[in-house]
PDB file of N, CA and C in Angstrom:
ATOM      1  N   MET A   1      -6.053  18.032 157.836  1.00  0.00           N
ATOM      2  CA  MET A   1      -6.112  16.659 158.385  1.00  0.00           C
ATOM      3  C   MET A   1      -5.897  17.032 159.995  1.00  0.00           C
ATOM      4  N   LEU A   2      -5.063  17.777 160.198  1.00  0.00           N
ATOM      5  CA  LEU A   2      -5.003  18.004 161.692  1.00  0.00           C
ATOM      6  C   LEU A   2      -5.987  18.575 162.286  1.00  0.00           C
ATOM      7  N   ILE A   3      -6.626  19.460 161.588  1.00  0.00           N
ATOM      8  CA  ILE A   3      -7.963  20.211 162.171  1.00  0.00           C
ATOM      9  C   ILE A   3      -8.966  18.923 162.344  1.00  0.00           C
ATOM     10  N   ASP A   4      -9.103  18.109 161.510  1.00  0.00           N
ATOM     11  CA  ASP A   4     -10.246  17.041 161.607  1.00  0.00           C
ATOM     12  C   ASP A   4      -9.811  16.393 162.713  1.00  0.00           C
ATOM     13  N   SER A   5      -8.420  15.887 162.798  1.00  0.00           N
ATOM     14  CA  SER A   5      -7.892  14.530 163.720  1.00  0.00           C
ATOM     15  C   SER A   5      -8.207  15.575 165.188  1.00  0.00           C
ATOM     16  N   ARG A   6      -7.741  16.845 165.321  1.00  0.00           N
ATOM     17  CA  ARG A   6      -8.143  17.291 166.775  1.00  0.00           C
ATOM     18  C   ARG A   6      -9.416  17.377 167.033  1.00  0.00           C
ATOM     19  N   GLY A   7     -10.387  17.452 166.127  1.00  0.00           N
ATOM     20  CA  GLY A   7     -11.778  17.592 166.363  1.00  0.00           C
ATOM     21  C   GLY A   7     -12.147  16.382 166.953  1.00  0.00           C
ATOM     22  N   LEU A   8     -11.827  15.307 166.375  1.00  0.00           N
ATOM     23  CA  LEU A   8     -12.454  13.803 166.342  1.00  0.00           C
ATOM     24  C   LEU A   8     -11.543  13.499 167.868  1.00  0.00           C
ATOM     25  N   VAL A   9     -10.432  14.011 168.447  1.00  0.00           N
ATOM     26  CA  VAL A   9      -9.937  13.516 169.532  1.00  0.00           C
ATOM     27  C   VAL A   9     -10.671  14.471 170.692  1.00  0.00           C
ATOM     28  N   ASN A  10     -11.229  15.574 170.290  1.00  0.00           N
ATOM     29  CA  ASN A  10     -11.761  16.373 171.401  1.00  0.00           C
ATOM     30  C   ASN A  10     -13.189  15.757 171.520  1.00  0.00           C
ATOM     31  N   VAL A  11     -13.907  15.123 170.603  1.00  0.00           N
ATOM     32  CA  VAL A  11     -15.165  14.640 170.475  1.00  0.00           C
ATOM     33  C   VAL A  11     -15.112  13.134 171.453  1.00  0.00           C
ATOM     34  N   PHE A  12     -13.983  12.596 171.226  1.00  0.00           N
ATOM     35  CA  PHE A  12     -13.684  11.457 171.692  1.00  0.00           C
ATOM     36  C   PHE A  12     -13.588  11.523 173.455  1.00  0.00           C
ATOM     37  N   VAL A  13     -12.721  12.594 173.582  1.00  0.00           N
ATOM     38  CA  VAL A  13     -12.601  12.971 175.116  1.00  0.00           C
ATOM     39  C   VAL A  13     -13.798  13.080 175.896  1.00  0.00           C
ATOM     40  N   VAL A  14     -14.634  14.222 175.278  1.00  0.00           N
ATOM     41  CA  VAL A  14     -16.047  14.486 175.690  1.00  0.00           C
ATOM     42  C   VAL A  14     -16.752  13.549 175.759  1.00  0.00           C
ATOM     43  N   ASN A  15     -16.854  12.681 174.936  1.00  0.00           N
ATOM     44  CA  ASN A  15     -17.962  11.264 175.092  1.00  0.00           C
ATOM     45  C   ASN A  15     -17.127  10.496 176.073  1.00  0.00           C
ATOM     46  N   HIS A  16     -16.008  10.309 176.201  1.00  0.00           N
ATOM     47  CA  HIS A  16     -15.482   9.421 177.010  1.00  0.00           C
ATOM     48  C   HIS A  16     -15.751   9.791 178.639  1.00  0.00           C
ATOM     49  N   SER A  17     -15.613  11.207 178.804  1.00  0.00           N
ATOM     50  CA  SER A  17     -15.905  11.842 180.029  1.00  0.00           C
ATOM     51  C   SER A  17     -17.356  11.675 180.425  1.00  0.00           C
ATOM     52  N   ARG A  18     -18.162  11.862 179.498  1.00  0.00           N
ATOM     53  CA  ARG A  18     -19.506  11.961 179.847  1.00  0.00           C
ATOM     54  C   ARG A  18     -20.010  10.409 180.078  1.00  0.00           C
ATOM     55  N   LEU A  19     -19.307   9.598 179.517  1.00  0.00           N
ATOM     56  CA  LEU A  19     -19.638   7.868 179.810  1.00  0.00           C
ATOM     57  C   LEU A  19     -19.116   7.765 181.205  1.00  0.00           C
ATOM     58  N   VAL A  20     -17.798   8.334 181.548  1.00  0.00           N
ATOM     59  CA  VAL A  20     -17.498   8.008 182.820  1.00  0.00           C
ATOM     60  C   VAL A  20     -18.224   8.483 184.063  1.00  0.00           C
ATOM     61  N   VAL A  21     -18.738   9.776 183.842  1.00  0.00           N
ATOM     62  CA  VAL A  21     -19.804  10.199 184.671  1.00  0.00           C
ATOM     63  C   VAL A  21     -21.109   9.683 184.891  1.00  0.00           C
ATOM     64  N   VAL A  22     -21.636   9.011 183.637  1.00  0.00           N
ATOM     65  CA  VAL A  22     -22.797   8.101 183.715  1.00  0.00           C
ATOM     66  C   VAL A  22     -22.407   6.960 184.252  1.00  0.00           C
ATOM     67  N   GLY A  23     -21.399   6.327 184.186  1.00  0.00           N
ATOM     68  CA  GLY A  23     -21.129   5.118 184.553  1.00  0.00           C
ATOM     69  C   GLY A  23     -21.238   5.204 185.995  1.00  0.00           C
ATOM     70  N   ARG A  24     -20.493   6.366 186.704  1.00  0.00           N
ATOM     71  CA  ARG A  24     -20.450   6.428 188.297  1.00  0.00           C
ATOM     72  C   ARG A  24     -21.729   6.723 188.653  1.00  0.00           C
ATOM     73  N   VAL A  25     -22.652   7.306 188.053  1.00  0.00           N
ATOM     74  CA  VAL A  25     -23.925   7.618 188.459  1.00  0.00           C
ATOM     75  C   VAL A  25     -24.806   6.202 188.589  1.00  0.00           C
ATOM     76  N   LEU A  26     -24.678   5.294 187.466  1.00  0.00           N
ATOM     77  CA  LEU A  26     -25.268   4.114 187.480  1.00  0.00           C
ATOM     78  C   LEU A  26     -24.828   3.242 188.425  1.00  0.00           C
ATOM     79  N   ILE A  27     -23.561   3.102 188.958  1.00  0.00           N
ATOM     80  CA  ILE A  27     -22.929   2.308 189.856  1.00  0.00           C
ATOM     81  C   ILE A  27     -23.669   2.749 191.361  1.00  0.00           C
ATOM     82  N   LYS A  28     -23.540   4.073 191.432  1.00  0.00           N
ATOM     83  CA  LYS A  28     -23.988   4.430 192.639  1.00  0.00           C
ATOM     84  C   LYS A  28     -25.319   4.073 192.789  1.00  0.00           C
ATOM     85  N   ARG A  29     -26.341   4.168 191.734  1.00  0.00           N
ATOM     86  CA  ARG A  29     -27.761   3.798 191.717  1.00  0.00           C
ATOM     87  C   ARG A  29     -27.899   2.217 192.024  1.00  0.00           C
ATOM     88  N   LEU A  30     -26.944   1.374 191.573  1.00  0.00           N
ATOM     89  CA  LEU A  30     -27.082  -0.026 191.784  1.00  0.00           C
ATOM     90  C   LEU A  30     -26.758  -0.285 193.125  1.00  0.00           C
ATOM     91  N   ARG A  31     -25.872   0.559 193.828  1.00  0.00           N
ATOM     92  CA  ARG A  31     -25.338   0.105 195.086  1.00  0.00           C
ATOM     93  C   ARG A  31     -26.445   0.564 196.248  1.00  0.00           C
ATOM     94  N   SER A  32     -27.092   1.672 195.907  1.00  0.00           N
ATOM     95  CA  SER A  32     -28.074   2.076 196.684  1.00  0.00           C
ATOM     96  C   SER A  32     -29.312   1.243 196.630  1.00  0.00           C
ATOM     97  N   ALA A  33     -29.565   0.732 195.442  1.00  0.00           N
ATOM     98  CA  ALA A  33     -30.897  -0.206 195.320  1.00  0.00           C
ATOM     99  C   ALA A  33     -30.663  -1.543 195.774  1.00  0.00           C
ATOM    100  N   ASN A  34     -29.207  -2.110 195.859  1.00  0.00           N
ATOM    101  CA  ASN A  34     -29.070  -3.124 196.510  1.00  0.00           C
ATOM    102  C   ASN A  34     -28.798  -2.917 198.022  1.00  0.00           C
TER     103      ASN A  34
END
């Protein structure tokens, strides 16, 4: 169970970091477009 939970946490952190990066890029594109 501990290994599974750690794996899920790692996946969540990686996905969150990717979403943050994508969000920043989208915001920059929207600002530049406007």
